[in-house]
Protein backbone atom coordinates (compact mmCIF):
# COMPACT_ATOMS: atom_id res chain seq x y z
CA UNK A 1 224.49 -147.64 -235.52
CA UNK A 2 222.12 -145.90 -233.18
CA UNK A 3 224.01 -145.88 -229.88
CA UNK A 4 226.34 -147.83 -227.59
CA UNK A 5 226.66 -148.29 -223.84
CA UNK A 6 229.41 -146.41 -221.98
CA UNK A 7 231.46 -149.61 -221.51
CA UNK A 8 230.86 -150.69 -225.12
CA UNK A 9 229.31 -154.00 -224.17
CA UNK A 10 225.99 -153.09 -225.85
CA UNK A 11 225.72 -151.66 -229.32
CA UNK A 12 222.32 -150.63 -230.67
CA UNK A 13 221.78 -150.70 -234.39
CA UNK A 14 218.92 -150.67 -236.87
CA UNK A 15 218.62 -152.45 -240.17
CA UNK A 16 216.09 -153.97 -242.53
CA UNK A 17 218.32 -157.03 -242.97
CA UNK A 18 217.31 -160.21 -241.20
CA UNK A 19 220.09 -160.68 -238.69
CA UNK A 20 218.37 -163.48 -236.78
CA UNK A 21 215.93 -166.25 -237.52
CA UNK A 22 213.38 -164.50 -235.33
CA UNK A 23 213.07 -161.67 -237.87
CA UNK A 24 210.48 -162.74 -240.44
CA UNK A 25 209.81 -159.47 -242.28
CA UNK A 26 211.55 -156.67 -244.18
CA UNK A 27 210.75 -153.93 -241.64
CA UNK A 28 213.41 -151.88 -239.86
CA UNK A 29 214.39 -153.52 -236.60
CA UNK A 30 216.47 -152.32 -233.66
CA UNK A 31 219.08 -154.79 -232.43
CA UNK A 32 221.10 -154.81 -229.22
CA UNK A 33 224.37 -156.52 -230.06
CA UNK A 34 225.83 -157.31 -226.66
CA UNK A 35 229.01 -158.86 -225.45
CA UNK A 36 228.60 -162.56 -224.62
CA UNK A 37 224.85 -162.47 -225.01
CA UNK A 38 221.95 -162.83 -227.31
CA UNK A 39 219.10 -165.17 -227.93
CA UNK A 40 219.27 -168.68 -229.33
CA UNK A 41 218.08 -169.10 -232.87
CA UNK A 42 214.52 -170.46 -233.32
CA UNK A 43 214.08 -174.09 -234.36
CA UNK A 44 214.07 -174.58 -238.14
CA UNK A 45 210.70 -174.46 -239.86
CA UNK A 46 209.76 -177.91 -241.19
CA UNK A 47 209.68 -178.13 -244.96
CA UNK A 48 206.32 -178.51 -246.64
CA UNK A 49 206.03 -181.90 -248.27
CA UNK A 50 205.35 -182.12 -251.98
CA UNK A 51 204.06 -184.91 -254.23
CA UNK A 52 204.81 -188.45 -253.13
CA UNK A 53 206.92 -187.15 -250.24
CA UNK A 54 203.63 -186.40 -248.44
CA UNK A 55 202.34 -189.95 -248.67
CA UNK A 56 202.75 -192.20 -245.70
CA UNK A 57 204.24 -195.64 -246.07
CA UNK A 58 201.83 -198.41 -247.04
CA UNK A 59 201.19 -200.61 -244.01
CA UNK A 60 202.26 -204.23 -244.27
CA UNK A 61 199.61 -206.88 -244.74
CA UNK A 62 198.65 -208.64 -241.51
CA UNK A 63 200.30 -212.02 -241.04
CA UNK A 64 198.26 -215.06 -241.97
CA UNK A 65 197.14 -217.02 -238.96
CA UNK A 66 196.55 -220.69 -238.39
CA UNK A 67 193.03 -221.93 -237.57
CA UNK A 68 192.10 -221.09 -234.02
CA UNK A 69 191.44 -224.74 -233.05
CA UNK A 70 193.66 -226.96 -235.19
CA UNK A 71 193.35 -229.98 -232.87
CA UNK A 72 189.53 -229.87 -232.60
CA UNK A 73 187.84 -233.25 -232.82
CA UNK A 74 184.06 -233.33 -232.82
CA UNK A 75 180.92 -233.16 -234.91
CA UNK A 76 181.63 -229.67 -236.22
CA UNK A 77 179.00 -227.01 -236.72
CA UNK A 78 175.39 -228.01 -236.22
CA UNK A 79 173.34 -228.13 -239.39
CA UNK A 80 170.28 -225.90 -239.39
CA UNK A 81 166.89 -227.60 -239.22
CA UNK A 82 164.78 -227.37 -242.37
CA UNK A 83 161.84 -224.98 -242.05
CA UNK A 84 158.53 -226.58 -241.12
CA UNK A 85 156.01 -226.94 -243.94
CA UNK A 86 153.07 -224.61 -243.57
CA UNK A 87 149.67 -226.23 -243.24
CA UNK A 88 147.23 -225.31 -245.94
CA UNK A 89 143.86 -224.07 -244.77
CA UNK A 90 140.78 -224.95 -246.73
CA UNK A 91 138.97 -221.94 -248.00
CA UNK A 92 135.48 -221.59 -246.55
CA UNK A 93 132.82 -220.62 -248.98
CA UNK A 94 130.00 -218.51 -247.73
CA UNK A 95 126.66 -218.65 -249.37
CA UNK A 96 125.50 -215.25 -250.42
CA UNK A 97 122.02 -214.36 -251.38
CA UNK A 98 121.57 -212.25 -254.38
CA UNK A 99 120.13 -208.87 -253.84
CA UNK A 100 116.83 -208.13 -255.52
CA UNK A 101 116.05 -205.04 -257.49
CA UNK A 102 115.28 -203.12 -254.32
CA UNK A 103 118.80 -203.76 -252.97
CA UNK A 104 117.55 -206.15 -250.27
CA UNK A 105 118.53 -209.70 -249.94
CA UNK A 106 115.91 -212.11 -251.22
CA UNK A 107 113.86 -214.21 -248.86
């Protein structure tokens, strides 16, 4: 005990013990123990998950659905047209003159 108020409504003390949830270390702390007063305790710290407890639930498979147009009556999807046949071009032959010994074309 360090001190007290004249009326005795406040008592000041020091300790290394954790007297409240707000104290998170082993250091010496000064407390004011007062009549009818104090601070609310902090919210509990959530536990760290371990192993399979950390896994989320597997989502359910989506429901199977009926065809979007079950009462459709018609020709259905159009069939693609076959590709057009390519026309063959005749190769043109060019007449070449043979070069003579001087590298010129012959006459």
